[in-house]
Amino acid sequence: MIYIHAFFGGVGLITGIGSVIVKKGGRMHKKMGKLFSIGMLVSSLISLPISCMPNHENVFLFLIGLFTIYLVLAGNRALTFKTKKEADKKDKLLSGAMVFFSAIMVLNGIYGLINNSSMSILFLFFGGFGLLMSIQDFRFYFNPKKPRNMWLRLHIGKMVGALIASFTAFIVAGLGIGNLISWTLPTIIGTIYILYWKRKMNVKVGVKP
């Protein structure tokens, strides 16, 4: 199961990098995006039972697996807002589930701080990040005047977030580097990339960044 998980994670990592490099919205971008989604979903789904097996128990990795699944699904569903105006039950259920699991991560982080756990910062970091993204979803869903191209911004944010998860897994699990920098640096770099694209889109539509 670990080998299958690593294989599909590798597929996600390679095609994710490719989809970032090629022209956005083009034929190659769409093909690589589909392969990236499949790779990340399969890899993340397999990681859930692995993180519950004897000698592999890891609550944090289980929650990160759920986080990645949310990012990929929500990133793809964001594209549906190109042609629809209102969120449906699937959208709200997906974002609501992320609010729930992010809250669990934050609570675990607070509990860890009280008990001097070395993982507490990671729980707070990723839990806070998940809460921020899922709350942003609901603000978008219930906004009667949805900003132009907001669906594209959400798509980019979620898919790059899933790519960040792939990079983090490769560094921590693949290379065996498990310090705080290796867990957070991909997120910091990815966030800068997301902000760059949001600024670029604002300039294109004539909105002040």
Protein backbone atom coordinates (compact mmCIF):
# COMPACT_ATOMS: atom_id res chain seq x y z
CA MET A 1 0.00 0.00 0.00
CA ILE A 2 2.88 2.35 0.78
CA TYR A 3 4.45 1.69 -2.64
CA ILE A 4 1.14 2.36 -4.41
CA HIS A 5 0.67 5.49 -2.31
CA ALA A 6 4.18 6.69 -3.24
CA PHE A 7 3.69 5.89 -6.94
CA PHE A 8 0.50 7.91 -7.31
CA GLY A 9 1.98 10.66 -5.15
CA GLY A 10 4.90 10.79 -7.62
CA VAL A 11 2.46 11.01 -10.53
CA GLY A 12 0.74 13.90 -8.78
CA LEU A 13 4.02 15.67 -8.07
CA ILE A 14 5.35 15.42 -11.65
CA THR A 15 2.10 16.34 -13.40
CA GLY A 16 1.45 19.09 -10.84
CA ILE A 17 4.79 20.72 -11.67
CA GLY A 18 3.99 20.30 -15.37
CA SER A 19 0.59 21.96 -15.06
CA VAL A 20 2.23 24.96 -13.37
CA ILE A 21 4.84 25.31 -16.12
CA VAL A 22 2.64 24.95 -19.24
CA LYS A 23 0.20 27.59 -20.49
CA LYS A 24 -2.81 27.93 -18.16
CA GLY A 25 -6.11 26.80 -19.66
CA GLY A 26 -4.42 25.07 -22.58
CA ARG A 27 -4.91 21.48 -23.69
CA MET A 28 -1.73 20.22 -21.98
CA HIS A 29 -2.61 22.06 -18.78
CA LYS A 30 -6.01 20.36 -18.64
CA LYS A 31 -4.53 16.89 -19.30
CA MET A 32 -1.86 17.30 -16.66
CA GLY A 33 -4.44 18.74 -14.27
CA LYS A 34 -6.58 15.60 -14.61
CA LEU A 35 -3.59 13.31 -14.02
CA PHE A 36 -2.57 15.44 -11.06
CA SER A 37 -6.06 15.18 -9.56
CA ILE A 38 -6.18 11.40 -10.02
CA GLY A 39 -2.68 10.91 -8.61
CA MET A 40 -3.28 13.05 -5.55
CA LEU A 41 -6.71 11.62 -4.79
CA VAL A 42 -5.58 7.99 -5.01
CA SER A 43 -2.41 8.68 -3.02
CA SER A 44 -4.30 10.59 -0.31
CA LEU A 45 -7.08 8.00 -0.05
CA ILE A 46 -4.52 5.22 0.43
CA SER A 47 -2.69 7.29 3.07
CA LEU A 48 -5.80 7.25 5.31
CA PRO A 49 -5.78 3.51 6.15
CA ILE A 50 -1.95 3.48 6.23
CA SER A 51 -1.90 6.15 8.94
CA CYS A 52 -4.23 3.96 11.05
CA MET A 53 -2.23 0.71 10.76
CA PRO A 54 -0.13 -0.74 13.61
CA ASN A 55 3.30 0.94 13.86
CA HIS A 56 2.14 3.59 11.39
CA GLU A 57 -0.47 5.39 13.51
CA ASN A 58 -0.32 9.10 12.82
CA VAL A 59 -3.29 11.40 13.43
CA PHE A 60 -1.56 14.35 11.77
CA LEU A 61 -0.88 12.50 8.49
CA PHE A 62 -4.47 11.23 8.49
CA LEU A 63 -5.80 14.78 8.74
CA ILE A 64 -3.34 16.04 6.10
CA GLY A 65 -4.63 13.28 3.80
CA LEU A 66 -8.17 14.60 4.28
CA PHE A 67 -6.90 18.15 3.74
CA THR A 68 -5.34 17.16 0.39
CA ILE A 69 -8.52 15.41 -0.74
CA TYR A 70 -10.47 18.58 0.06
CA LEU A 71 -8.02 20.75 -1.88
CA VAL A 72 -8.18 18.61 -5.02
CA LEU A 73 -11.98 18.20 -4.98
CA ALA A 74 -12.65 21.85 -4.13
CA GLY A 75 -10.12 23.00 -6.72
CA ASN A 76 -11.93 21.07 -9.43
CA ARG A 77 -15.38 22.12 -8.24
CA ALA A 78 -14.30 25.77 -8.37
CA LEU A 79 -14.27 25.43 -12.17
CA THR A 80 -18.01 24.73 -12.16
CA PHE A 81 -18.61 28.32 -10.99
CA LYS A 82 -17.55 29.48 -14.43
CA THR A 83 -21.04 28.56 -15.61
CA LYS A 84 -23.10 28.47 -12.38
CA LYS A 85 -23.85 31.23 -9.88
CA GLU A 86 -24.91 29.35 -6.75
CA ALA A 87 -23.15 26.71 -4.66
CA ASP A 88 -24.91 23.34 -4.42
CA LYS A 89 -25.05 20.82 -1.56
CA LYS A 90 -21.82 19.10 -2.66
CA ASP A 91 -19.91 22.38 -2.49
CA LYS A 92 -21.23 23.23 0.98
CA LEU A 93 -20.73 19.68 2.31
CA LEU A 94 -17.12 19.61 1.10
CA SER A 95 -16.26 22.99 2.62
CA GLY A 96 -18.20 22.20 5.81
CA ALA A 97 -16.26 18.97 6.27
CA MET A 98 -13.02 20.93 5.92
CA VAL A 99 -14.14 23.42 8.57
CA PHE A 100 -14.81 20.47 10.92
CA PHE A 101 -11.48 18.69 10.36
CA SER A 102 -9.52 21.96 10.44
CA ALA A 103 -11.11 22.76 13.80
CA ILE A 104 -9.98 19.34 15.07
CA MET A 105 -6.42 20.14 13.93
CA VAL A 106 -6.48 23.51 15.70
CA LEU A 107 -7.83 21.92 18.90
CA ASN A 108 -5.12 19.26 18.69
CA GLY A 109 -2.58 22.03 18.30
CA ILE A 110 -3.86 23.90 21.36
CA TYR A 111 -3.87 20.66 23.37
CA GLY A 112 -0.31 19.98 22.18
CA LEU A 113 0.87 23.42 23.27
CA ILE A 114 -0.52 22.82 26.74
CA ASN A 115 1.27 19.45 26.90
CA ASN A 116 4.49 20.61 25.17
CA SER A 117 4.00 18.44 22.09
CA SER A 118 6.47 18.96 19.24
CA MET A 119 3.65 18.53 16.68
CA SER A 120 1.45 21.30 18.08
CA ILE A 121 2.80 24.03 15.77
CA LEU A 122 2.11 21.89 12.69
CA PHE A 123 -1.45 21.19 13.82
CA LEU A 124 -2.04 24.90 14.36
CA PHE A 125 -0.36 25.89 11.09
CA PHE A 126 -2.24 23.51 8.81
CA GLY A 127 -5.46 23.68 10.80
CA GLY A 128 -5.47 27.46 10.61
CA PHE A 129 -4.69 27.32 6.90
CA GLY A 130 -7.57 24.89 6.33
CA LEU A 131 -9.99 27.05 8.32
CA LEU A 132 -8.97 30.12 6.33
CA MET A 133 -9.57 28.41 2.98
CA SER A 134 -12.88 26.75 3.90
CA ILE A 135 -14.29 29.93 5.47
CA GLN A 136 -13.27 31.76 2.30
CA ASP A 137 -15.36 29.17 0.40
CA PHE A 138 -18.49 30.04 2.36
CA ARG A 139 -17.91 33.77 1.97
CA PHE A 140 -17.82 33.15 -1.77
CA TYR A 141 -20.90 30.89 -1.74
CA PHE A 142 -23.08 33.41 0.09
CA ASN A 143 -21.83 36.49 -1.74
CA PRO A 144 -24.70 37.58 -4.07
CA LYS A 145 -22.25 39.65 -6.13
CA LYS A 146 -19.45 37.23 -6.79
CA PRO A 147 -16.22 38.97 -7.91
CA ARG A 148 -15.18 38.48 -11.51
CA ASN A 149 -12.89 35.48 -12.04
CA MET A 150 -13.18 34.49 -8.36
CA TRP A 151 -13.80 30.90 -9.45
CA LEU A 152 -10.40 30.94 -11.16
CA ARG A 153 -8.68 32.36 -8.08
CA LEU A 154 -10.22 29.62 -5.94
CA HIS A 155 -9.18 26.98 -8.47
CA ILE A 156 -5.57 28.17 -8.51
CA GLY A 157 -5.43 28.48 -4.73
CA LYS A 158 -6.78 24.99 -4.09
CA MET A 159 -4.78 23.18 -6.77
CA VAL A 160 -1.51 24.86 -5.82
CA GLY A 161 -2.36 23.97 -2.22
CA ALA A 162 -2.62 20.31 -3.23
CA LEU A 163 0.72 20.60 -5.04
CA ILE A 164 2.22 22.05 -1.85
CA ALA A 165 0.97 18.96 -0.01
CA SER A 166 2.64 16.75 -2.63
CA PHE A 167 5.96 18.58 -2.27
CA THR A 168 5.75 18.42 1.52
CA ALA A 169 5.09 14.67 1.46
CA PHE A 170 8.04 14.13 -0.90
CA ILE A 171 10.43 16.10 1.33
CA VAL A 172 9.24 14.60 4.62
CA ALA A 173 8.44 11.01 3.63
CA GLY A 174 10.55 10.59 0.49
CA LEU A 175 13.73 12.37 1.59
CA GLY A 176 13.23 11.73 5.28
CA ILE A 177 13.60 15.39 6.30
CA GLY A 178 11.08 16.01 9.06
CA ASN A 179 12.01 19.33 10.64
CA LEU A 180 9.72 22.35 10.95
CA ILE A 181 11.25 24.09 7.92
CA SER A 182 10.58 21.11 5.63
CA TRP A 183 6.93 21.07 6.74
CA THR A 184 6.30 24.79 6.28
CA LEU A 185 8.66 26.03 3.51
CA PRO A 186 6.64 24.52 0.59
CA THR A 187 3.53 26.24 1.98
CA ILE A 188 5.28 29.60 2.20
CA ILE A 189 6.65 29.35 -1.37
CA GLY A 190 3.31 28.11 -2.71
CA THR A 191 1.44 30.94 -1.00
CA ILE A 192 3.76 33.49 -2.65
CA TYR A 193 2.99 31.87 -6.02
CA ILE A 194 -0.77 32.05 -5.37
CA LEU A 195 -0.51 35.72 -4.39
CA TYR A 196 1.47 36.40 -7.57
CA TRP A 197 -1.30 34.93 -9.75
CA LYS A 198 -4.04 36.76 -7.84
CA ARG A 199 -2.19 40.03 -8.35
CA LYS A 200 -1.70 39.24 -12.03
CA MET A 201 -5.42 38.56 -12.49
CA ASN A 202 -6.33 41.78 -10.66
CA VAL A 203 -4.15 43.75 -13.06
CA LYS A 204 -5.75 42.04 -16.08
CA VAL A 205 -9.28 42.98 -15.04
CA GLY A 206 -8.24 46.49 -14.06
CA VAL A 207 -8.63 46.04 -10.30
CA LYS A 208 -6.16 47.47 -7.85
CA PRO A 209 -4.24 44.57 -6.20
